[in-house]
Amino acid sequence: MFRMIIFSRPAKSWRRKHMKKTFLLKIVLIISLLILAAPALAGERAQKRGAPAQAQDMVARAVALFEEEGMKAAFDRFTNRPGAEFNHLDLYIFVLKAEEGARIVAHAGTRSLIGVNAATLIDPGGLSIGRAILDKATAKGAWVDYGWKDPLTGKVAPKSSWVVRHKGHIFGCGIHKP
């Protein structure tokens, strides 16, 4: 006839062992996924940063626009309508009036800086940013290093700006170093 088969529950110790193994496997899997994902996440963050050549190119385009459309139109474009051409990733154009002690006349990153004398801006190391830019800027261009707020992290970090002196103005664009 019919046989009744009774399945007994596994011993509690076996269940605990099995649960521990399952838990440990899940932890190992999660850690492995995090380790594998770390380079991808770092690469994504790196793609949000501009390269030195991009900063130099942005300054060259800003000087060309200044020549083509004139000072007022160019500065309006940099400040009010920069678009990706003059404000891209962590790169943005800024312009100082050299004859007026480094007064900021255009800034694609932070409009509130317009009118500020850049010589009064001091980085955490005590460097006068505007003075350093005035001293190093040439017609051919030069790099200036200082500390500045990183738009991606919101923290002060090392920054190098490519600055070019042109017709009484200094055009600049910087790269932030993580």
N, C-alpha and C. Protein backbone atom coordinates (compact mmCIF):
# COMPACT_ATOMS: atom_id res chain seq x y z
N MET A 1 0.81 -1.16 0.00
CA MET A 1 0.00 0.00 0.00
C MET A 1 0.86 1.24 0.00
N PHE A 2 0.36 2.15 0.73
CA PHE A 2 1.10 3.42 0.76
C PHE A 2 2.11 3.43 1.89
N ARG A 3 3.23 3.90 1.51
CA ARG A 3 4.23 4.08 2.54
C ARG A 3 4.35 5.54 2.86
N MET A 4 4.44 5.77 4.02
CA MET A 4 4.57 7.15 4.44
C MET A 4 6.04 7.45 4.67
N ILE A 5 6.50 8.42 3.92
CA ILE A 5 7.89 8.81 4.09
C ILE A 5 7.90 10.10 4.88
N ILE A 6 8.63 10.06 5.89
CA ILE A 6 8.72 11.25 6.74
C ILE A 6 10.10 11.85 6.56
N PHE A 7 10.07 13.09 6.18
CA PHE A 7 11.34 13.81 6.05
C PHE A 7 11.59 14.53 7.35
N SER A 8 12.70 14.27 7.86
CA SER A 8 13.01 14.98 9.10
C SER A 8 13.75 16.27 8.77
N ARG A 9 13.62 17.20 9.62
CA ARG A 9 14.31 18.47 9.44
C ARG A 9 15.77 18.25 9.78
N PRO A 10 16.64 18.96 9.06
CA PRO A 10 18.06 18.82 9.39
C PRO A 10 18.33 19.36 10.78
N ALA A 11 19.35 18.88 11.31
CA ALA A 11 19.74 19.31 12.65
C ALA A 11 20.01 20.80 12.66
N LYS A 12 19.75 21.43 13.80
CA LYS A 12 19.95 22.87 13.91
C LYS A 12 21.39 23.26 13.62
N SER A 13 22.32 22.45 14.04
CA SER A 13 23.73 22.78 13.81
C SER A 13 24.04 22.81 12.31
N TRP A 14 23.43 21.89 11.54
CA TRP A 14 23.65 21.89 10.09
C TRP A 14 23.07 23.15 9.47
N ARG A 15 21.88 23.56 9.91
CA ARG A 15 21.25 24.78 9.38
C ARG A 15 22.12 25.99 9.67
N ARG A 16 22.62 26.08 10.87
CA ARG A 16 23.48 27.22 11.23
C ARG A 16 24.71 27.26 10.34
N LYS A 17 25.33 26.09 10.15
CA LYS A 17 26.51 26.02 9.31
C LYS A 17 26.19 26.48 7.89
N HIS A 18 25.08 25.99 7.37
CA HIS A 18 24.66 26.35 6.01
C HIS A 18 24.38 27.85 5.91
N MET A 19 23.73 28.42 6.90
CA MET A 19 23.42 29.85 6.89
C MET A 19 24.70 30.67 6.97
N LYS A 20 25.66 30.22 7.76
CA LYS A 20 26.93 30.93 7.85
C LYS A 20 27.65 30.91 6.51
N LYS A 21 27.65 29.75 5.85
CA LYS A 21 28.30 29.64 4.54
C LYS A 21 27.62 30.57 3.53
N THR A 22 26.32 30.56 3.52
CA THR A 22 25.57 31.41 2.60
C THR A 22 25.86 32.88 2.88
N PHE A 23 25.86 33.24 4.14
CA PHE A 23 26.14 34.63 4.51
C PHE A 23 27.54 35.03 4.07
N LEU A 24 28.52 34.17 4.34
CA LEU A 24 29.90 34.46 3.95
C LEU A 24 30.05 34.57 2.44
N LEU A 25 29.36 33.71 1.70
CA LEU A 25 29.41 33.78 0.24
C LEU A 25 28.83 35.10 -0.27
N LYS A 26 27.75 35.54 0.35
CA LYS A 26 27.16 36.82 -0.04
C LYS A 26 28.12 37.97 0.23
N ILE A 27 28.77 37.96 1.38
CA ILE A 27 29.73 39.01 1.74
C ILE A 27 30.89 39.01 0.74
N VAL A 28 31.42 37.83 0.43
CA VAL A 28 32.54 37.73 -0.53
C VAL A 28 32.09 38.25 -1.90
N LEU A 29 30.89 37.92 -2.31
CA LEU A 29 30.37 38.39 -3.59
C LEU A 29 30.25 39.91 -3.61
N ILE A 30 29.72 40.49 -2.57
CA ILE A 30 29.56 41.95 -2.49
C ILE A 30 30.92 42.64 -2.52
N ILE A 31 31.87 42.13 -1.75
CA ILE A 31 33.21 42.73 -1.72
C ILE A 31 33.86 42.61 -3.10
N SER A 32 33.70 41.47 -3.75
CA SER A 32 34.27 41.29 -5.09
C SER A 32 33.68 42.28 -6.08
N LEU A 33 32.38 42.47 -6.02
CA LEU A 33 31.73 43.43 -6.92
C LEU A 33 32.23 44.84 -6.67
N LEU A 34 32.39 45.21 -5.40
CA LEU A 34 32.90 46.54 -5.08
C LEU A 34 34.32 46.72 -5.59
N ILE A 35 35.15 45.70 -5.44
CA ILE A 35 36.53 45.78 -5.93
C ILE A 35 36.55 45.92 -7.44
N LEU A 36 35.70 45.17 -8.13
CA LEU A 36 35.65 45.25 -9.58
C LEU A 36 35.08 46.58 -10.06
N ALA A 37 34.15 47.15 -9.31
CA ALA A 37 33.51 48.40 -9.72
C ALA A 37 34.37 49.63 -9.42
N ALA A 38 35.29 49.54 -8.49
CA ALA A 38 36.10 50.71 -8.09
C ALA A 38 36.82 51.36 -9.26
N PRO A 39 37.53 50.62 -10.12
CA PRO A 39 38.20 51.28 -11.24
C PRO A 39 37.21 51.96 -12.19
N ALA A 40 36.06 51.35 -12.39
CA ALA A 40 35.06 51.96 -13.27
C ALA A 40 34.56 53.26 -12.68
N LEU A 41 34.31 53.28 -11.37
CA LEU A 41 33.85 54.51 -10.72
C LEU A 41 34.93 55.57 -10.75
N ALA A 42 36.17 55.19 -10.56
CA ALA A 42 37.28 56.16 -10.62
C ALA A 42 37.42 56.71 -12.03
N GLY A 43 37.23 55.85 -13.03
CA GLY A 43 37.30 56.29 -14.42
C GLY A 43 36.20 57.28 -14.74
N GLU A 44 35.01 57.05 -14.19
CA GLU A 44 33.90 57.97 -14.41
C GLU A 44 34.21 59.34 -13.82
N ARG A 45 34.79 59.36 -12.61
CA ARG A 45 35.15 60.63 -11.97
C ARG A 45 36.24 61.33 -12.78
N ALA A 46 37.20 60.56 -13.30
CA ALA A 46 38.29 61.15 -14.08
C ALA A 46 37.75 61.78 -15.36
N GLN A 47 36.69 61.21 -15.93
CA GLN A 47 36.11 61.76 -17.15
C GLN A 47 35.42 63.09 -16.90
N LYS A 48 35.14 63.42 -15.65
CA LYS A 48 34.50 64.68 -15.33
C LYS A 48 35.52 65.80 -15.17
N ARG A 49 36.78 65.48 -15.36
CA ARG A 49 37.85 66.46 -15.21
C ARG A 49 38.42 66.80 -16.57
N GLY A 50 38.74 68.07 -16.72
CA GLY A 50 39.35 68.50 -17.96
C GLY A 50 40.84 68.21 -17.96
N ALA A 51 41.40 68.15 -19.16
CA ALA A 51 42.83 67.90 -19.34
C ALA A 51 43.55 69.22 -19.62
N PRO A 52 44.85 69.26 -19.40
CA PRO A 52 45.61 70.49 -19.68
C PRO A 52 45.41 71.01 -21.10
N ALA A 53 45.40 70.12 -22.08
CA ALA A 53 45.23 70.55 -23.47
C ALA A 53 43.84 71.18 -23.68
N GLN A 54 42.83 70.67 -22.98
CA GLN A 54 41.49 71.24 -23.10
C GLN A 54 41.45 72.65 -22.52
N ALA A 55 42.16 72.87 -21.42
CA ALA A 55 42.21 74.21 -20.81
C ALA A 55 42.90 75.18 -21.77
N GLN A 56 44.00 74.76 -22.37
CA GLN A 56 44.71 75.62 -23.31
C GLN A 56 43.85 75.94 -24.53
N ASP A 57 43.12 74.93 -25.01
CA ASP A 57 42.24 75.14 -26.16
C ASP A 57 41.10 76.09 -25.82
N MET A 58 40.54 75.97 -24.61
CA MET A 58 39.45 76.85 -24.20
C MET A 58 39.92 78.30 -24.14
N VAL A 59 41.13 78.52 -23.64
CA VAL A 59 41.67 79.88 -23.59
C VAL A 59 41.88 80.41 -25.01
N ALA A 60 42.39 79.58 -25.91
CA ALA A 60 42.60 80.01 -27.30
C ALA A 60 41.27 80.39 -27.94
N ARG A 61 40.21 79.61 -27.69
CA ARG A 61 38.89 79.94 -28.24
C ARG A 61 38.33 81.22 -27.63
N ALA A 62 38.61 81.45 -26.35
CA ALA A 62 38.13 82.67 -25.69
C ALA A 62 38.82 83.90 -26.28
N VAL A 63 40.12 83.82 -26.51
CA VAL A 63 40.86 84.93 -27.12
C VAL A 63 40.35 85.18 -28.54
N ALA A 64 40.08 84.10 -29.29
CA ALA A 64 39.56 84.24 -30.66
C ALA A 64 38.19 84.91 -30.65
N LEU A 65 37.32 84.54 -29.72
CA LEU A 65 36.00 85.18 -29.63
C LEU A 65 36.15 86.65 -29.27
N PHE A 66 37.06 86.97 -28.38
CA PHE A 66 37.35 88.36 -28.00
C PHE A 66 37.74 89.16 -29.24
N GLU A 67 38.55 88.58 -30.10
CA GLU A 67 38.99 89.25 -31.33
C GLU A 67 37.84 89.39 -32.33
N GLU A 68 37.03 88.36 -32.47
CA GLU A 68 35.96 88.34 -33.46
C GLU A 68 34.77 89.22 -33.07
N GLU A 69 34.32 89.12 -31.84
CA GLU A 69 33.08 89.79 -31.43
C GLU A 69 33.29 91.02 -30.57
N GLY A 70 34.51 91.24 -30.13
CA GLY A 70 34.78 92.40 -29.28
C GLY A 70 34.68 92.05 -27.81
N MET A 71 35.20 92.97 -27.01
CA MET A 71 35.30 92.75 -25.57
C MET A 71 33.94 92.54 -24.91
N LYS A 72 33.01 93.46 -25.14
CA LYS A 72 31.73 93.41 -24.44
C LYS A 72 30.95 92.13 -24.76
N ALA A 73 30.86 91.80 -26.05
CA ALA A 73 30.12 90.60 -26.46
C ALA A 73 30.79 89.33 -25.93
N ALA A 74 32.11 89.30 -25.99
CA ALA A 74 32.84 88.11 -25.52
C ALA A 74 32.65 87.92 -24.02
N PHE A 75 32.79 88.99 -23.24
CA PHE A 75 32.67 88.87 -21.79
C PHE A 75 31.24 88.50 -21.40
N ASP A 76 30.26 89.04 -22.12
CA ASP A 76 28.86 88.68 -21.87
C ASP A 76 28.66 87.19 -22.13
N ARG A 77 29.22 86.70 -23.21
CA ARG A 77 29.09 85.28 -23.56
C ARG A 77 29.75 84.41 -22.50
N PHE A 78 30.96 84.76 -22.07
CA PHE A 78 31.66 83.96 -21.06
C PHE A 78 30.85 83.88 -19.77
N THR A 79 30.29 85.00 -19.37
CA THR A 79 29.64 85.09 -18.07
C THR A 79 28.18 84.64 -18.08
N ASN A 80 27.43 85.07 -19.07
CA ASN A 80 25.98 84.83 -19.08
C ASN A 80 25.54 83.66 -19.94
N ARG A 81 26.30 83.33 -20.96
CA ARG A 81 25.91 82.24 -21.87
C ARG A 81 27.13 81.38 -22.24
N PRO A 82 27.83 80.84 -21.26
CA PRO A 82 29.07 80.14 -21.59
C PRO A 82 28.86 78.83 -22.35
N GLY A 83 27.78 78.12 -22.05
CA GLY A 83 27.57 76.83 -22.70
C GLY A 83 28.78 75.93 -22.49
N ALA A 84 28.79 74.82 -23.21
CA ALA A 84 29.90 73.86 -23.07
C ALA A 84 31.20 74.40 -23.67
N GLU A 85 31.09 75.41 -24.52
CA GLU A 85 32.29 75.95 -25.15
C GLU A 85 33.21 76.64 -24.13
N PHE A 86 32.61 77.29 -23.11
CA PHE A 86 33.42 78.02 -22.14
C PHE A 86 33.17 77.60 -20.69
N ASN A 87 32.40 76.53 -20.49
CA ASN A 87 32.17 75.98 -19.15
C ASN A 87 31.83 74.51 -19.34
N HIS A 88 32.86 73.67 -19.24
CA HIS A 88 32.70 72.25 -19.54
C HIS A 88 33.45 71.41 -18.51
N LEU A 89 32.81 70.36 -18.02
CA LEU A 89 33.39 69.53 -16.97
C LEU A 89 33.77 70.42 -15.79
N ASP A 90 35.05 70.41 -15.38
CA ASP A 90 35.49 71.30 -14.30
C ASP A 90 36.26 72.49 -14.87
N LEU A 91 36.17 72.71 -16.18
CA LEU A 91 36.87 73.81 -16.85
C LEU A 91 35.92 74.98 -17.09
N TYR A 92 36.43 76.19 -16.91
CA TYR A 92 35.65 77.39 -17.23
C TYR A 92 36.62 78.54 -17.47
N ILE A 93 36.17 79.49 -18.28
CA ILE A 93 37.00 80.66 -18.62
C ILE A 93 36.83 81.73 -17.55
N PHE A 94 37.94 82.40 -17.24
CA PHE A 94 37.90 83.61 -16.43
C PHE A 94 38.81 84.64 -17.08
N VAL A 95 38.48 85.91 -16.90
CA VAL A 95 39.27 86.99 -17.51
C VAL A 95 39.54 88.06 -16.46
N LEU A 96 40.80 88.48 -16.37
CA LEU A 96 41.22 89.55 -15.46
C LEU A 96 41.63 90.76 -16.28
N LYS A 97 41.38 91.93 -15.76
CA LYS A 97 41.84 93.19 -16.37
C LYS A 97 43.22 93.46 -15.78
N ALA A 98 44.26 93.31 -16.60
CA ALA A 98 45.64 93.42 -16.11
C ALA A 98 45.96 94.81 -15.61
N GLU A 99 45.46 95.85 -16.29
CA GLU A 99 45.81 97.22 -15.90
C GLU A 99 45.11 97.67 -14.62
N GLU A 100 44.12 96.95 -14.19
CA GLU A 100 43.38 97.35 -12.99
C GLU A 100 43.69 96.43 -11.82
N GLY A 101 44.91 95.96 -11.75
CA GLY A 101 45.32 95.14 -10.61
C GLY A 101 44.64 93.80 -10.52
N ALA A 102 44.37 93.18 -11.64
CA ALA A 102 43.78 91.83 -11.69
C ALA A 102 42.30 91.80 -11.29
N ARG A 103 41.55 92.82 -11.66
CA ARG A 103 40.10 92.82 -11.40
C ARG A 103 39.45 91.81 -12.34
N ILE A 104 38.59 90.98 -11.80
CA ILE A 104 37.91 89.96 -12.60
C ILE A 104 36.79 90.63 -13.39
N VAL A 105 36.84 90.49 -14.73
CA VAL A 105 35.84 91.13 -15.59
C VAL A 105 34.90 90.12 -16.24
N ALA A 106 35.26 88.85 -16.23
CA ALA A 106 34.37 87.80 -16.76
C ALA A 106 34.73 86.50 -16.05
N HIS A 107 33.70 85.71 -15.77
CA HIS A 107 33.94 84.43 -15.08
C HIS A 107 32.80 83.48 -15.42
N ALA A 108 33.10 82.43 -16.17
CA ALA A 108 32.07 81.47 -16.57
C ALA A 108 31.69 80.51 -15.45
N GLY A 109 32.51 80.42 -14.41
CA GLY A 109 32.23 79.49 -13.32
C GLY A 109 31.45 80.09 -12.17
N THR A 110 31.81 81.32 -11.77
CA THR A 110 31.19 81.96 -10.61
C THR A 110 30.96 83.44 -10.90
N ARG A 111 29.75 83.80 -11.27
CA ARG A 111 29.45 85.19 -11.63
C ARG A 111 29.70 86.17 -10.49
N SER A 112 29.56 85.71 -9.26
CA SER A 112 29.72 86.62 -8.12
C SER A 112 31.15 87.14 -7.97
N LEU A 113 32.10 86.54 -8.67
CA LEU A 113 33.49 87.00 -8.60
C LEU A 113 33.77 88.20 -9.51
N ILE A 114 32.83 88.52 -10.39
CA ILE A 114 33.05 89.65 -11.30
C ILE A 114 33.13 90.94 -10.49
N GLY A 115 34.18 91.70 -10.78
CA GLY A 115 34.42 92.95 -10.06
C GLY A 115 35.39 92.80 -8.90
N VAL A 116 35.65 91.57 -8.49
CA VAL A 116 36.58 91.32 -7.38
C VAL A 116 38.01 91.46 -7.87
N ASN A 117 38.85 92.07 -7.05
CA ASN A 117 40.28 92.16 -7.36
C ASN A 117 40.89 90.81 -7.01
N ALA A 118 41.37 90.08 -8.02
CA ALA A 118 41.91 88.74 -7.80
C ALA A 118 43.14 88.75 -6.91
N ALA A 119 43.81 89.89 -6.81
CA ALA A 119 44.99 89.98 -5.94
C ALA A 119 44.59 89.85 -4.47
N THR A 120 43.32 90.09 -4.17
CA THR A 120 42.86 89.95 -2.78
C THR A 120 42.46 88.51 -2.45
N LEU A 121 42.42 87.65 -3.46
CA LEU A 121 42.07 86.25 -3.24
C LEU A 121 43.34 85.50 -2.84
N ILE A 122 43.32 84.93 -1.66
CA ILE A 122 44.49 84.25 -1.11
C ILE A 122 44.18 82.76 -0.98
N ASP A 123 45.08 81.92 -1.49
CA ASP A 123 44.85 80.48 -1.37
C ASP A 123 45.28 80.01 0.02
N PRO A 124 44.97 78.76 0.39
CA PRO A 124 45.30 78.27 1.74
C PRO A 124 46.80 78.35 2.09
N GLY A 125 47.65 78.37 1.07
CA GLY A 125 49.09 78.46 1.32
C GLY A 125 49.58 79.88 1.49
N GLY A 126 48.65 80.87 1.42
CA GLY A 126 49.03 82.27 1.59
C GLY A 126 49.40 82.97 0.30
N LEU A 127 49.23 82.31 -0.84
CA LEU A 127 49.58 82.89 -2.14
C LEU A 127 48.48 83.83 -2.62
N SER A 128 48.87 85.03 -3.09
CA SER A 128 47.91 85.94 -3.72
C SER A 128 47.69 85.43 -5.14
N ILE A 129 46.51 84.91 -5.40
CA ILE A 129 46.23 84.27 -6.68
C ILE A 129 46.34 85.27 -7.83
N GLY A 130 45.72 86.42 -7.69
CA GLY A 130 45.78 87.43 -8.75
C GLY A 130 47.19 87.91 -9.01
N ARG A 131 47.96 88.11 -7.96
CA ARG A 131 49.36 88.54 -8.11
C ARG A 131 50.16 87.49 -8.85
N ALA A 132 49.97 86.21 -8.52
CA ALA A 132 50.68 85.12 -9.19
C ALA A 132 50.32 85.06 -10.67
N ILE A 133 49.04 85.27 -10.98
CA ILE A 133 48.60 85.26 -12.37
C ILE A 133 49.20 86.45 -13.12
N LEU A 134 49.15 87.63 -12.52
CA LEU A 134 49.74 88.82 -13.15
C LEU A 134 51.23 88.63 -13.41
N ASP A 135 51.93 88.04 -12.47
CA ASP A 135 53.37 87.87 -12.60
C ASP A 135 53.76 86.86 -13.67
N LYS A 136 52.96 85.80 -13.84
CA LYS A 136 53.36 84.72 -14.74
C LYS A 136 52.74 84.78 -16.13
N ALA A 137 51.62 85.47 -16.30
CA ALA A 137 50.93 85.48 -17.59
C ALA A 137 51.78 86.15 -18.67
N THR A 138 51.85 85.50 -19.83
CA THR A 138 52.56 86.05 -20.98
C THR A 138 51.67 85.92 -22.21
N ALA A 139 52.10 86.53 -23.30
CA ALA A 139 51.34 86.42 -24.55
C ALA A 139 51.33 84.98 -25.07
N LYS A 140 52.38 84.24 -24.79
CA LYS A 140 52.45 82.84 -25.24
C LYS A 140 51.73 81.90 -24.28
N GLY A 141 51.52 82.35 -23.05
CA GLY A 141 50.82 81.53 -22.06
C GLY A 141 51.76 80.91 -21.05
N ALA A 142 51.24 80.66 -19.87
CA ALA A 142 52.01 80.04 -18.79
C ALA A 142 51.05 79.36 -17.82
N TRP A 143 51.58 78.41 -17.07
CA TRP A 143 50.80 77.73 -16.04
C TRP A 143 51.05 78.38 -14.69
N VAL A 144 49.98 78.55 -13.92
CA VAL A 144 50.07 79.10 -12.56
C VAL A 144 49.40 78.10 -11.62
N ASP A 145 50.09 77.75 -10.54
CA ASP A 145 49.57 76.79 -9.56
C ASP A 145 49.11 77.49 -8.29
N TYR A 146 47.94 77.08 -7.78
CA TYR A 146 47.40 77.64 -6.54
C TYR A 146 46.29 76.74 -6.04
N GLY A 147 45.78 77.01 -4.87
CA GLY A 147 44.66 76.26 -4.32
C GLY A 147 43.35 76.96 -4.63
N TRP A 148 42.32 76.20 -5.01
CA TRP A 148 41.02 76.78 -5.36
C TRP A 148 39.94 75.74 -5.13
N LYS A 149 38.72 76.19 -4.93
CA LYS A 149 37.60 75.28 -4.68
C LYS A 149 37.31 74.46 -5.94
N ASP A 150 37.32 73.16 -5.78
CA ASP A 150 37.05 72.23 -6.87
C ASP A 150 35.53 72.15 -7.07
N PRO A 151 35.02 72.44 -8.27
CA PRO A 151 33.57 72.41 -8.47
C PRO A 151 32.96 71.01 -8.34
N LEU A 152 33.78 69.97 -8.47
CA LEU A 152 33.25 68.61 -8.35
C LEU A 152 33.16 68.13 -6.91
N THR A 153 34.11 68.55 -6.08
CA THR A 153 34.12 68.09 -4.69
C THR A 153 33.65 69.14 -3.70
N GLY A 154 33.72 70.42 -4.10
CA GLY A 154 33.36 71.51 -3.20
C GLY A 154 34.44 71.83 -2.18
N LYS A 155 35.59 71.15 -2.30
CA LYS A 155 36.69 71.38 -1.37
C LYS A 155 37.84 72.09 -2.07
N VAL A 156 38.64 72.81 -1.31
CA VAL A 156 39.82 73.47 -1.88
C VAL A 156 40.83 72.38 -2.23
N ALA A 157 41.34 72.46 -3.47
CA ALA A 157 42.30 71.47 -3.97
C ALA A 157 43.31 72.18 -4.87
N PRO A 158 44.43 71.54 -5.16
CA PRO A 158 45.41 72.14 -6.06
C PRO A 158 44.81 72.37 -7.45
N LYS A 159 45.14 73.50 -8.04
CA LYS A 159 44.65 73.86 -9.36
C LYS A 159 45.80 74.47 -10.15
N SER A 160 45.83 74.17 -11.44
CA SER A 160 46.80 74.80 -12.35
C SER A 160 45.99 75.50 -13.43
N SER A 161 46.25 76.78 -13.62
CA SER A 161 45.53 77.54 -14.65
C SER A 161 46.48 77.95 -15.76
N TRP A 162 46.01 77.77 -16.99
CA TRP A 162 46.71 78.24 -18.17
C TRP A 162 46.26 79.68 -18.38
N VAL A 163 47.19 80.62 -18.34
CA VAL A 163 46.84 82.03 -18.46
C VAL A 163 47.59 82.67 -19.62
N VAL A 164 46.86 83.49 -20.39
CA VAL A 164 47.42 84.17 -21.56
C VAL A 164 47.11 85.65 -21.45
N ARG A 165 48.13 86.47 -21.60
CA ARG A 165 47.98 87.93 -21.58
C ARG A 165 47.66 88.37 -23.02
N HIS A 166 46.55 89.15 -23.16
CA HIS A 166 46.14 89.60 -24.50
C HIS A 166 45.42 90.95 -24.39
N LYS A 167 45.98 91.94 -25.01
CA LYS A 167 45.38 93.28 -25.09
C LYS A 167 44.89 93.80 -23.73
N GLY A 168 45.75 93.78 -22.74
CA GLY A 168 45.42 94.34 -21.43
C GLY A 168 44.58 93.43 -20.54
N HIS A 169 44.30 92.23 -21.00
CA HIS A 169 43.51 91.27 -20.23
C HIS A 169 44.30 89.98 -20.07
N ILE A 170 43.93 89.23 -19.08
CA ILE A 170 44.51 87.90 -18.89
C ILE A 170 43.37 86.89 -18.94
N PHE A 171 43.44 86.01 -19.93
CA PHE A 171 42.44 84.97 -20.12
C PHE A 171 42.97 83.70 -19.46
N GLY A 172 42.14 83.03 -18.69
CA GLY A 172 42.60 81.84 -18.00
C GLY A 172 41.57 80.73 -17.94
N CYS A 173 42.08 79.53 -17.78
CA CYS A 173 41.25 78.35 -17.59
C CYS A 173 42.10 77.35 -16.83
N GLY A 174 41.55 76.77 -15.78
CA GLY A 174 42.35 75.88 -14.94
C GLY A 174 41.86 74.46 -14.89
N ILE A 175 42.79 73.59 -14.57
CA ILE A 175 42.47 72.18 -14.34
C ILE A 175 42.59 71.91 -12.85
N HIS A 176 41.65 71.18 -12.32
CA HIS A 176 41.67 70.84 -10.90
C HIS A 176 42.33 69.49 -10.74
N LYS A 177 43.19 69.39 -9.76
CA LYS A 177 43.90 68.14 -9.50
C LYS A 177 43.25 67.46 -8.29
N PRO A 178 42.75 66.24 -8.49
CA PRO A 178 42.07 65.56 -7.38
C PRO A 178 43.00 65.23 -6.23
